[in-house]
């Protein structure tokens, strides 16, 4: 039914959102890691 598919879709989405959000965050951090390290070492404050 419509209700069954909506409930199942949201349950599946909840299981996926954590890992997929981590995928994007870690991908961007990894691509800019050298820059982040340099700026972190030279920054006067957070």
ModelCIF file with pLDDT and N, C-alpha, C, O atoms, coordinates in Angstrom:
data_MODEL
#
_entry.id   MODEL 
#
_entity.id                         1 
_entity.type                       polymer 
_entity.pdbx_number_of_molecules   1 
#
_entity_poly.entity_id                      1 
_entity_poly.type                           'polypeptide(L)' 
_entity_poly.nstd_linkage                   no 
_entity_poly.nstd_monomer                   no 
_entity_poly.pdbx_seq_one_letter_code       
;(UNK)(UNK)(UNK)(UNK)(UNK)(UNK)(UNK)(UNK)(UNK)(UNK)(UNK)(UNK)(UNK)(UNK)(UNK)(UNK)
(UNK)(UNK)(UNK)(UNK)(UNK)(UNK)(UNK)(UNK)(UNK)(UNK)(UNK)(UNK)(UNK)(UNK)(UNK)(UNK)
(UNK)(UNK)(UNK)(UNK)(UNK)(UNK)(UNK)(UNK)(UNK)(UNK)(UNK)(UNK)(UNK)(UNK)
;
_entity_poly.pdbx_seq_one_letter_code_can   XXXXXXXXXXXXXXXXXXXXXXXXXXXXXXXXXXXXXXXXXXXXXX 
_entity_poly.pdbx_strand_id                 A 
#
loop_
_entity_poly_seq.entity_id 
_entity_poly_seq.num 
_entity_poly_seq.mon_id 
_entity_poly_seq.hetero 
1 1  UNK n 
1 2  UNK n 
1 3  UNK n 
1 4  UNK n 
1 5  UNK n 
1 6  UNK n 
1 7  UNK n 
1 8  UNK n 
1 9  UNK n 
1 10 UNK n 
1 11 UNK n 
1 12 UNK n 
1 13 UNK n 
1 14 UNK n 
1 15 UNK n 
1 16 UNK n 
1 17 UNK n 
1 18 UNK n 
1 19 UNK n 
1 20 UNK n 
1 21 UNK n 
1 22 UNK n 
1 23 UNK n 
1 24 UNK n 
1 25 UNK n 
1 26 UNK n 
1 27 UNK n 
1 28 UNK n 
1 29 UNK n 
1 30 UNK n 
1 31 UNK n 
1 32 UNK n 
1 33 UNK n 
1 34 UNK n 
1 35 UNK n 
1 36 UNK n 
1 37 UNK n 
1 38 UNK n 
1 39 UNK n 
1 40 UNK n 
1 41 UNK n 
1 42 UNK n 
1 43 UNK n 
1 44 UNK n 
1 45 UNK n 
1 46 UNK n 
#
_struct_asym.id          A 
_struct_asym.entity_id   1 
#
loop_
_ma_qa_metric.id 
_ma_qa_metric.mode 
_ma_qa_metric.name 
_ma_qa_metric.software_group_id 
_ma_qa_metric.type 
1 global pLDDT . pLDDT 
2 local  pLDDT . pLDDT 
#
_ma_qa_metric_global.metric_id      1 
_ma_qa_metric_global.metric_value   79.70 
_ma_qa_metric_global.model_id       1 
_ma_qa_metric_global.ordinal_id     1 
#
loop_
_ma_qa_metric_local.label_asym_id 
_ma_qa_metric_local.label_comp_id 
_ma_qa_metric_local.label_seq_id 
_ma_qa_metric_local.metric_id 
_ma_qa_metric_local.metric_value 
_ma_qa_metric_local.model_id 
_ma_qa_metric_local.ordinal_id 
A UNK 1  2 85.00 1 1  
A UNK 2  2 88.00 1 2  
A UNK 3  2 87.00 1 3  
A UNK 4  2 88.00 1 4  
A UNK 5  2 90.00 1 5  
A UNK 6  2 90.00 1 6  
A UNK 7  2 90.00 1 7  
A UNK 8  2 90.00 1 8  
A UNK 9  2 90.00 1 9  
A UNK 10 2 91.00 1 10 
A UNK 11 2 90.00 1 11 
A UNK 12 2 89.00 1 12 
A UNK 13 2 88.00 1 13 
A UNK 14 2 85.00 1 14 
A UNK 15 2 84.00 1 15 
A UNK 16 2 84.00 1 16 
A UNK 17 2 80.00 1 17 
A UNK 18 2 72.00 1 18 
A UNK 19 2 77.00 1 19 
A UNK 20 2 75.00 1 20 
A UNK 21 2 73.00 1 21 
A UNK 22 2 79.00 1 22 
A UNK 23 2 77.00 1 23 
A UNK 24 2 74.00 1 24 
A UNK 25 2 77.00 1 25 
A UNK 26 2 79.00 1 26 
A UNK 27 2 78.00 1 27 
A UNK 28 2 75.00 1 28 
A UNK 29 2 76.00 1 29 
A UNK 30 2 79.00 1 30 
A UNK 31 2 75.00 1 31 
A UNK 32 2 74.00 1 32 
A UNK 33 2 78.00 1 33 
A UNK 34 2 76.00 1 34 
A UNK 35 2 75.00 1 35 
A UNK 36 2 74.00 1 36 
A UNK 37 2 79.00 1 37 
A UNK 38 2 76.00 1 38 
A UNK 39 2 73.00 1 39 
A UNK 40 2 73.00 1 40 
A UNK 41 2 75.00 1 41 
A UNK 42 2 72.00 1 42 
A UNK 43 2 68.00 1 43 
A UNK 44 2 71.00 1 44 
A UNK 45 2 72.00 1 45 
A UNK 46 2 75.00 1 46 
#
loop_
_atom_site.group_PDB 
_atom_site.id 
_atom_site.type_symbol 
_atom_site.label_atom_id 
_atom_site.label_alt_id 
_atom_site.label_comp_id 
_atom_site.label_asym_id 
_atom_site.label_entity_id 
_atom_site.label_seq_id 
_atom_site.pdbx_PDB_ins_code 
_atom_site.Cartn_x 
_atom_site.Cartn_y 
_atom_site.Cartn_z 
_atom_site.occupancy 
_atom_site.B_iso_or_equiv 
_atom_site.pdbx_formal_charge 
_atom_site.auth_seq_id 
_atom_site.auth_comp_id 
_atom_site.auth_asym_id 
_atom_site.auth_atom_id 
_atom_site.pdbx_PDB_model_num 
ATOM 1   N N  . UNK A 1 1  ? 0.837  -1.195 0.000  1.00 85.00 ? 1  UNK A N  1 
ATOM 2   C CA . UNK A 1 1  ? 0.000  0.000  0.000  1.00 85.00 ? 1  UNK A CA 1 
ATOM 3   C C  . UNK A 1 1  ? 0.874  1.248  0.000  1.00 85.00 ? 1  UNK A C  1 
ATOM 4   O O  . UNK A 1 1  ? 2.082  1.176  0.227  1.00 85.00 ? 1  UNK A O  1 
ATOM 5   N N  . UNK A 1 2  ? 0.253  2.378  -0.255 1.00 88.00 ? 2  UNK A N  1 
ATOM 6   C CA . UNK A 1 2  ? 0.961  3.655  -0.232 1.00 88.00 ? 2  UNK A CA 1 
ATOM 7   C C  . UNK A 1 2  ? 1.614  3.874  1.134  1.00 88.00 ? 2  UNK A C  1 
ATOM 8   O O  . UNK A 1 2  ? 2.770  4.289  1.218  1.00 88.00 ? 2  UNK A O  1 
ATOM 9   N N  . UNK A 1 3  ? 0.878  3.596  2.183  1.00 87.00 ? 3  UNK A N  1 
ATOM 10  C CA . UNK A 1 3  ? 1.398  3.799  3.541  1.00 87.00 ? 3  UNK A CA 1 
ATOM 11  C C  . UNK A 1 3  ? 2.583  2.882  3.828  1.00 87.00 ? 3  UNK A C  1 
ATOM 12  O O  . UNK A 1 3  ? 3.567  3.301  4.437  1.00 87.00 ? 3  UNK A O  1 
ATOM 13  N N  . UNK A 1 4  ? 2.482  1.628  3.384  1.00 88.00 ? 4  UNK A N  1 
ATOM 14  C CA . UNK A 1 4  ? 3.576  0.684  3.610  1.00 88.00 ? 4  UNK A CA 1 
ATOM 15  C C  . UNK A 1 4  ? 4.852  1.143  2.911  1.00 88.00 ? 4  UNK A C  1 
ATOM 16  O O  . UNK A 1 4  ? 5.933  1.105  3.499  1.00 88.00 ? 4  UNK A O  1 
ATOM 17  N N  . UNK A 1 5  ? 4.731  1.572  1.668  1.00 90.00 ? 5  UNK A N  1 
ATOM 18  C CA . UNK A 1 5  ? 5.912  2.004  0.929  1.00 90.00 ? 5  UNK A CA 1 
ATOM 19  C C  . UNK A 1 5  ? 6.522  3.267  1.519  1.00 90.00 ? 5  UNK A C  1 
ATOM 20  O O  . UNK A 1 5  ? 7.745  3.401  1.569  1.00 90.00 ? 5  UNK A O  1 
ATOM 21  N N  . UNK A 1 6  ? 5.673  4.198  1.967  1.00 90.00 ? 6  UNK A N  1 
ATOM 22  C CA . UNK A 1 6  ? 6.204  5.423  2.576  1.00 90.00 ? 6  UNK A CA 1 
ATOM 23  C C  . UNK A 1 6  ? 6.947  5.092  3.867  1.00 90.00 ? 6  UNK A C  1 
ATOM 24  O O  . UNK A 1 6  ? 8.049  5.589  4.095  1.00 90.00 ? 6  UNK A O  1 
ATOM 25  N N  . UNK A 1 7  ? 6.350  4.256  4.708  1.00 90.00 ? 7  UNK A N  1 
ATOM 26  C CA . UNK A 1 7  ? 7.000  3.886  5.963  1.00 90.00 ? 7  UNK A CA 1 
ATOM 27  C C  . UNK A 1 7  ? 8.315  3.145  5.694  1.00 90.00 ? 7  UNK A C  1 
ATOM 28  O O  . UNK A 1 7  ? 9.324  3.403  6.350  1.00 90.00 ? 7  UNK A O  1 
ATOM 29  N N  . UNK A 1 8  ? 8.297  2.227  4.729  1.00 90.00 ? 8  UNK A N  1 
ATOM 30  C CA . UNK A 1 8  ? 9.519  1.481  4.398  1.00 90.00 ? 8  UNK A CA 1 
ATOM 31  C C  . UNK A 1 8  ? 10.599 2.407  3.826  1.00 90.00 ? 8  UNK A C  1 
ATOM 32  O O  . UNK A 1 8  ? 11.778 2.282  4.158  1.00 90.00 ? 8  UNK A O  1 
ATOM 33  N N  . UNK A 1 9  ? 10.175 3.340  2.959  1.00 90.00 ? 9  UNK A N  1 
ATOM 34  C CA . UNK A 1 9  ? 11.136 4.266  2.372  1.00 90.00 ? 9  UNK A CA 1 
ATOM 35  C C  . UNK A 1 9  ? 11.812 5.131  3.409  1.00 90.00 ? 9  UNK A C  1 
ATOM 36  O O  . UNK A 1 9  ? 13.020 5.355  3.332  1.00 90.00 ? 9  UNK A O  1 
ATOM 37  N N  . UNK A 1 10 ? 11.060 5.621  4.379  1.00 91.00 ? 10 UNK A N  1 
ATOM 38  C CA . UNK A 1 10 ? 11.652 6.445  5.432  1.00 91.00 ? 10 UNK A CA 1 
ATOM 39  C C  . UNK A 1 10 ? 12.569 5.620  6.331  1.00 91.00 ? 10 UNK A C  1 
ATOM 40  O O  . UNK A 1 10 ? 13.610 6.111  6.767  1.00 91.00 ? 10 UNK A O  1 
ATOM 41  N N  . UNK A 1 11 ? 12.197 4.382  6.611  1.00 90.00 ? 11 UNK A N  1 
ATOM 42  C CA . UNK A 1 11 ? 13.076 3.524  7.422  1.00 90.00 ? 11 UNK A CA 1 
ATOM 43  C C  . UNK A 1 11 ? 14.387 3.240  6.695  1.00 90.00 ? 11 UNK A C  1 
ATOM 44  O O  . UNK A 1 11 ? 15.461 3.284  7.295  1.00 90.00 ? 11 UNK A O  1 
ATOM 45  N N  . UNK A 1 12 ? 14.293 2.948  5.402  1.00 89.00 ? 12 UNK A N  1 
ATOM 46  C CA . UNK A 1 12 ? 15.511 2.715  4.609  1.00 89.00 ? 12 UNK A CA 1 
ATOM 47  C C  . UNK A 1 12 ? 16.354 3.983  4.554  1.00 89.00 ? 12 UNK A C  1 
ATOM 48  O O  . UNK A 1 12 ? 17.578 3.931  4.678  1.00 89.00 ? 12 UNK A O  1 
ATOM 49  N N  . UNK A 1 13 ? 15.687 5.129  4.364  1.00 88.00 ? 13 UNK A N  1 
ATOM 50  C CA . UNK A 1 13 ? 16.411 6.395  4.292  1.00 88.00 ? 13 UNK A CA 1 
ATOM 51  C C  . UNK A 1 13 ? 17.129 6.734  5.576  1.00 88.00 ? 13 UNK A C  1 
ATOM 52  O O  . UNK A 1 13 ? 18.238 7.267  5.549  1.00 88.00 ? 13 UNK A O  1 
ATOM 53  N N  . UNK A 1 14 ? 16.504 6.427  6.707  1.00 85.00 ? 14 UNK A N  1 
ATOM 54  C CA . UNK A 1 14 ? 17.165 6.708  7.992  1.00 85.00 ? 14 UNK A CA 1 
ATOM 55  C C  . UNK A 1 14 ? 18.434 5.895  8.141  1.00 85.00 ? 14 UNK A C  1 
ATOM 56  O O  . UNK A 1 14 ? 19.429 6.377  8.684  1.00 85.00 ? 14 UNK A O  1 
ATOM 57  N N  . UNK A 1 15 ? 18.401 4.646  7.655  1.00 84.00 ? 15 UNK A N  1 
ATOM 58  C CA . UNK A 1 15 ? 19.601 3.814  7.743  1.00 84.00 ? 15 UNK A CA 1 
ATOM 59  C C  . UNK A 1 15 ? 20.713 4.316  6.822  1.00 84.00 ? 15 UNK A C  1 
ATOM 60  O O  . UNK A 1 15 ? 21.897 4.119  7.097  1.00 84.00 ? 15 UNK A O  1 
ATOM 61  N N  . UNK A 1 16 ? 20.313 4.969  5.723  1.00 84.00 ? 16 UNK A N  1 
ATOM 62  C CA . UNK A 1 16 ? 21.305 5.400  4.739  1.00 84.00 ? 16 UNK A CA 1 
ATOM 63  C C  . UNK A 1 16 ? 21.889 6.767  5.047  1.00 84.00 ? 16 UNK A C  1 
ATOM 64  O O  . UNK A 1 16 ? 23.043 7.028  4.709  1.00 84.00 ? 16 UNK A O  1 
ATOM 65  N N  . UNK A 1 17 ? 21.114 7.657  5.687  1.00 80.00 ? 17 UNK A N  1 
ATOM 66  C CA . UNK A 1 17 ? 21.531 9.058  5.770  1.00 80.00 ? 17 UNK A CA 1 
ATOM 67  C C  . UNK A 1 17 ? 22.832 9.239  6.553  1.00 80.00 ? 17 UNK A C  1 
ATOM 68  O O  . UNK A 1 17 ? 23.632 10.116 6.226  1.00 80.00 ? 17 UNK A O  1 
ATOM 69  N N  . UNK A 1 18 ? 23.050 8.419  7.582  1.00 72.00 ? 18 UNK A N  1 
ATOM 70  C CA . UNK A 1 18 ? 24.273 8.580  8.366  1.00 72.00 ? 18 UNK A CA 1 
ATOM 71  C C  . UNK A 1 18 ? 25.525 8.295  7.558  1.00 72.00 ? 18 UNK A C  1 
ATOM 72  O O  . UNK A 1 18 ? 26.470 9.084  7.573  1.00 72.00 ? 18 UNK A O  1 
ATOM 73  N N  . UNK A 1 19 ? 25.540 7.180  6.858  1.00 77.00 ? 19 UNK A N  1 
ATOM 74  C CA . UNK A 1 19 ? 26.723 6.820  6.084  1.00 77.00 ? 19 UNK A CA 1 
ATOM 75  C C  . UNK A 1 19 ? 26.907 7.722  4.874  1.00 77.00 ? 19 UNK A C  1 
ATOM 76  O O  . UNK A 1 19 ? 28.038 8.059  4.522  1.00 77.00 ? 19 UNK A O  1 
ATOM 77  N N  . UNK A 1 20 ? 25.800 8.122  4.225  1.00 75.00 ? 20 UNK A N  1 
ATOM 78  C CA . UNK A 1 20 ? 25.937 8.964  3.046  1.00 75.00 ? 20 UNK A CA 1 
ATOM 79  C C  . UNK A 1 20 ? 26.414 10.362 3.418  1.00 75.00 ? 20 UNK A C  1 
ATOM 80  O O  . UNK A 1 20 ? 27.210 10.953 2.688  1.00 75.00 ? 20 UNK A O  1 
ATOM 81  N N  . UNK A 1 21 ? 25.939 10.906 4.549  1.00 73.00 ? 21 UNK A N  1 
ATOM 82  C CA . UNK A 1 21 ? 26.429 12.201 5.012  1.00 73.00 ? 21 UNK A CA 1 
ATOM 83  C C  . UNK A 1 21 ? 27.912 12.111 5.334  1.00 73.00 ? 21 UNK A C  1 
ATOM 84  O O  . UNK A 1 21 ? 28.676 13.021 5.012  1.00 73.00 ? 21 UNK A O  1 
ATOM 85  N N  . UNK A 1 22 ? 28.321 11.019 5.967  1.00 79.00 ? 22 UNK A N  1 
ATOM 86  C CA . UNK A 1 22 ? 29.747 10.823 6.243  1.00 79.00 ? 22 UNK A CA 1 
ATOM 87  C C  . UNK A 1 22 ? 30.553 10.732 4.966  1.00 79.00 ? 22 UNK A C  1 
ATOM 88  O O  . UNK A 1 22 ? 31.690 11.200 4.907  1.00 79.00 ? 22 UNK A O  1 
ATOM 89  N N  . UNK A 1 23 ? 29.957 10.118 3.923  1.00 77.00 ? 23 UNK A N  1 
ATOM 90  C CA . UNK A 1 23 ? 30.657 9.994  2.647  1.00 77.00 ? 23 UNK A CA 1 
ATOM 91  C C  . UNK A 1 23 ? 31.020 11.359 2.092  1.00 77.00 ? 23 UNK A C  1 
ATOM 92  O O  . UNK A 1 23 ? 32.154 11.578 1.665  1.00 77.00 ? 23 UNK A O  1 
ATOM 93  N N  . UNK A 1 24 ? 30.067 12.276 2.096  1.00 74.00 ? 24 UNK A N  1 
ATOM 94  C CA . UNK A 1 24 ? 30.332 13.614 1.565  1.00 74.00 ? 24 UNK A CA 1 
ATOM 95  C C  . UNK A 1 24 ? 31.323 14.372 2.446  1.00 74.00 ? 24 UNK A C  1 
ATOM 96  O O  . UNK A 1 24 ? 32.275 14.966 1.942  1.00 74.00 ? 24 UNK A O  1 
ATOM 97  N N  . UNK A 1 25 ? 31.102 14.351 3.753  1.00 77.00 ? 25 UNK A N  1 
ATOM 98  C CA . UNK A 1 25 ? 31.974 15.101 4.659  1.00 77.00 ? 25 UNK A CA 1 
ATOM 99  C C  . UNK A 1 25 ? 33.408 14.604 4.559  1.00 77.00 ? 25 UNK A C  1 
ATOM 100 O O  . UNK A 1 25 ? 34.336 15.403 4.434  1.00 77.00 ? 25 UNK A O  1 
ATOM 101 N N  . UNK A 1 26 ? 33.595 13.291 4.611  1.00 79.00 ? 26 UNK A N  1 
ATOM 102 C CA . UNK A 1 26 ? 34.943 12.741 4.555  1.00 79.00 ? 26 UNK A CA 1 
ATOM 103 C C  . UNK A 1 26 ? 35.584 12.966 3.188  1.00 79.00 ? 26 UNK A C  1 
ATOM 104 O O  . UNK A 1 26 ? 36.795 13.167 3.101  1.00 79.00 ? 26 UNK A O  1 
ATOM 105 N N  . UNK A 1 27 ? 34.783 12.933 2.117  1.00 78.00 ? 27 UNK A N  1 
ATOM 106 C CA . UNK A 1 27 ? 35.340 13.191 0.782  1.00 78.00 ? 27 UNK A CA 1 
ATOM 107 C C  . UNK A 1 27 ? 35.871 14.606 0.684  1.00 78.00 ? 27 UNK A C  1 
ATOM 108 O O  . UNK A 1 27 ? 36.957 14.815 0.145  1.00 78.00 ? 27 UNK A O  1 
ATOM 109 N N  . UNK A 1 28 ? 35.134 15.581 1.189  1.00 75.00 ? 28 UNK A N  1 
ATOM 110 C CA . UNK A 1 28 ? 35.588 16.967 1.120  1.00 75.00 ? 28 UNK A CA 1 
ATOM 111 C C  . UNK A 1 28 ? 36.769 17.208 2.053  1.00 75.00 ? 28 UNK A C  1 
ATOM 112 O O  . UNK A 1 28 ? 37.692 17.941 1.696  1.00 75.00 ? 28 UNK A O  1 
ATOM 113 N N  . UNK A 1 29 ? 36.760 16.607 3.237  1.00 76.00 ? 29 UNK A N  1 
ATOM 114 C CA . UNK A 1 29 ? 37.896 16.754 4.143  1.00 76.00 ? 29 UNK A CA 1 
ATOM 115 C C  . UNK A 1 29 ? 39.149 16.139 3.530  1.00 76.00 ? 29 UNK A C  1 
ATOM 116 O O  . UNK A 1 29 ? 40.230 16.726 3.579  1.00 76.00 ? 29 UNK A O  1 
ATOM 117 N N  . UNK A 1 30 ? 38.989 14.946 2.950  1.00 79.00 ? 30 UNK A N  1 
ATOM 118 C CA . UNK A 1 30 ? 40.147 14.292 2.343  1.00 79.00 ? 30 UNK A CA 1 
ATOM 119 C C  . UNK A 1 30 ? 40.719 15.068 1.183  1.00 79.00 ? 30 UNK A C  1 
ATOM 120 O O  . UNK A 1 30 ? 41.939 15.129 1.030  1.00 79.00 ? 30 UNK A O  1 
ATOM 121 N N  . UNK A 1 31 ? 39.864 15.674 0.349  1.00 75.00 ? 31 UNK A N  1 
ATOM 122 C CA . UNK A 1 31 ? 40.351 16.411 -0.807 1.00 75.00 ? 31 UNK A CA 1 
ATOM 123 C C  . UNK A 1 31 ? 41.066 17.693 -0.414 1.00 75.00 ? 31 UNK A C  1 
ATOM 124 O O  . UNK A 1 31 ? 41.908 18.183 -1.167 1.00 75.00 ? 31 UNK A O  1 
ATOM 125 N N  . UNK A 1 32 ? 40.747 18.249 0.758  1.00 74.00 ? 32 UNK A N  1 
ATOM 126 C CA . UNK A 1 32 ? 41.350 19.507 1.192  1.00 74.00 ? 32 UNK A CA 1 
ATOM 127 C C  . UNK A 1 32 ? 42.207 19.325 2.440  1.00 74.00 ? 32 UNK A C  1 
ATOM 128 O O  . UNK A 1 32 ? 42.424 20.280 3.185  1.00 74.00 ? 32 UNK A O  1 
ATOM 129 N N  . UNK A 1 33 ? 42.698 18.102 2.675  1.00 78.00 ? 33 UNK A N  1 
ATOM 130 C CA . UNK A 1 33 ? 43.404 17.822 3.914  1.00 78.00 ? 33 UNK A CA 1 
ATOM 131 C C  . UNK A 1 33 ? 44.685 18.640 4.055  1.00 78.00 ? 33 UNK A C  1 
ATOM 132 O O  . UNK A 1 33 ? 44.961 19.171 5.131  1.00 78.00 ? 33 UNK A O  1 
ATOM 133 N N  . UNK A 1 34 ? 45.473 18.748 2.981  1.00 76.00 ? 34 UNK A N  1 
ATOM 134 C CA . UNK A 1 34 ? 46.716 19.518 3.054  1.00 76.00 ? 34 UNK A CA 1 
ATOM 135 C C  . UNK A 1 34 ? 46.436 20.971 3.407  1.00 76.00 ? 34 UNK A C  1 
ATOM 136 O O  . UNK A 1 34 ? 47.138 21.559 4.229  1.00 76.00 ? 34 UNK A O  1 
ATOM 137 N N  . UNK A 1 35 ? 45.423 21.548 2.795  1.00 75.00 ? 35 UNK A N  1 
ATOM 138 C CA . UNK A 1 35 ? 45.067 22.936 3.083  1.00 75.00 ? 35 UNK A CA 1 
ATOM 139 C C  . UNK A 1 35 ? 44.604 23.087 4.522  1.00 75.00 ? 35 UNK A C  1 
ATOM 140 O O  . UNK A 1 35 ? 44.979 24.046 5.196  1.00 75.00 ? 35 UNK A O  1 
ATOM 141 N N  . UNK A 1 36 ? 43.787 22.144 5.003  1.00 74.00 ? 36 UNK A N  1 
ATOM 142 C CA . UNK A 1 36 ? 43.294 22.215 6.374  1.00 74.00 ? 36 UNK A CA 1 
ATOM 143 C C  . UNK A 1 36 ? 44.446 22.116 7.371  1.00 74.00 ? 36 UNK A C  1 
ATOM 144 O O  . UNK A 1 36 ? 44.484 22.854 8.356  1.00 74.00 ? 36 UNK A O  1 
ATOM 145 N N  . UNK A 1 37 ? 45.381 21.207 7.116  1.00 79.00 ? 37 UNK A N  1 
ATOM 146 C CA . UNK A 1 37 ? 46.540 21.077 8.002  1.00 79.00 ? 37 UNK A CA 1 
ATOM 147 C C  . UNK A 1 37 ? 47.364 22.352 8.041  1.00 79.00 ? 37 UNK A C  1 
ATOM 148 O O  . UNK A 1 37 ? 47.778 22.795 9.112  1.00 79.00 ? 37 UNK A O  1 
ATOM 149 N N  . UNK A 1 38 ? 47.603 22.945 6.879  1.00 76.00 ? 38 UNK A N  1 
ATOM 150 C CA . UNK A 1 38 ? 48.405 24.167 6.809  1.00 76.00 ? 38 UNK A CA 1 
ATOM 151 C C  . UNK A 1 38 ? 47.728 25.313 7.536  1.00 76.00 ? 38 UNK A C  1 
ATOM 152 O O  . UNK A 1 38 ? 48.359 26.023 8.319  1.00 76.00 ? 38 UNK A O  1 
ATOM 153 N N  . UNK A 1 39 ? 46.440 25.490 7.275  1.00 73.00 ? 39 UNK A N  1 
ATOM 154 C CA . UNK A 1 39 ? 45.726 26.595 7.915  1.00 73.00 ? 39 UNK A CA 1 
ATOM 155 C C  . UNK A 1 39 ? 45.589 26.369 9.415  1.00 73.00 ? 39 UNK A C  1 
ATOM 156 O O  . UNK A 1 39 ? 45.652 27.320 10.194 1.00 73.00 ? 39 UNK A O  1 
ATOM 157 N N  . UNK A 1 40 ? 45.400 25.107 9.829  1.00 73.00 ? 40 UNK A N  1 
ATOM 158 C CA . UNK A 1 40 ? 45.287 24.816 11.256 1.00 73.00 ? 40 UNK A CA 1 
ATOM 159 C C  . UNK A 1 40 ? 46.595 25.111 11.989 1.00 73.00 ? 40 UNK A C  1 
ATOM 160 O O  . UNK A 1 40 ? 46.590 25.579 13.127 1.00 73.00 ? 40 UNK A O  1 
ATOM 161 N N  . UNK A 1 41 ? 47.709 24.833 11.321 1.00 75.00 ? 41 UNK A N  1 
ATOM 162 C CA . UNK A 1 41 ? 49.011 25.073 11.949 1.00 75.00 ? 41 UNK A CA 1 
ATOM 163 C C  . UNK A 1 41 ? 49.351 26.557 12.026 1.00 75.00 ? 41 UNK A C  1 
ATOM 164 O O  . UNK A 1 41 ? 50.048 26.986 12.945 1.00 75.00 ? 41 UNK A O  1 
ATOM 165 N N  . UNK A 1 42 ? 48.866 27.341 11.072 1.00 72.00 ? 42 UNK A N  1 
ATOM 166 C CA . UNK A 1 42 ? 49.243 28.760 11.000 1.00 72.00 ? 42 UNK A CA 1 
ATOM 167 C C  . UNK A 1 42 ? 48.182 29.700 11.548 1.00 72.00 ? 42 UNK A C  1 
ATOM 168 O O  . UNK A 1 42 ? 48.446 30.893 11.701 1.00 72.00 ? 42 UNK A O  1 
ATOM 169 N N  . UNK A 1 43 ? 46.994 29.199 11.848 1.00 68.00 ? 43 UNK A N  1 
ATOM 170 C CA . UNK A 1 43 ? 45.915 30.076 12.303 1.00 68.00 ? 43 UNK A CA 1 
ATOM 171 C C  . UNK A 1 43 ? 46.202 30.581 13.719 1.00 68.00 ? 43 UNK A C  1 
ATOM 172 O O  . UNK A 1 43 ? 46.709 29.839 14.560 1.00 68.00 ? 43 UNK A O  1 
ATOM 173 N N  . UNK A 1 44 ? 45.875 31.836 13.968 1.00 71.00 ? 44 UNK A N  1 
ATOM 174 C CA . UNK A 1 44 ? 46.063 32.417 15.291 1.00 71.00 ? 44 UNK A CA 1 
ATOM 175 C C  . UNK A 1 44 ? 44.982 31.974 16.268 1.00 71.00 ? 44 UNK A C  1 
ATOM 176 O O  . UNK A 1 44 ? 45.212 31.930 17.476 1.00 71.00 ? 44 UNK A O  1 
ATOM 177 N N  . UNK A 1 45 ? 43.803 31.647 15.746 1.00 72.00 ? 45 UNK A N  1 
ATOM 178 C CA . UNK A 1 45 ? 42.715 31.212 16.623 1.00 72.00 ? 45 UNK A CA 1 
ATOM 179 C C  . UNK A 1 45 ? 41.742 30.366 15.823 1.00 72.00 ? 45 UNK A C  1 
ATOM 180 O O  . UNK A 1 45 ? 41.702 30.443 14.595 1.00 72.00 ? 45 UNK A O  1 
ATOM 181 N N  . UNK A 1 46 ? 40.960 29.563 16.520 1.00 75.00 ? 46 UNK A N  1 
ATOM 182 C CA . UNK A 1 46 ? 39.926 28.755 15.883 1.00 75.00 ? 46 UNK A CA 1 
ATOM 183 C C  . UNK A 1 46 ? 38.893 29.648 15.219 1.00 75.00 ? 46 UNK A C  1 
ATOM 184 O O  . UNK A 1 46 ? 37.937 29.150 14.625 1.00 75.00 ? 46 UNK A O  1 
#
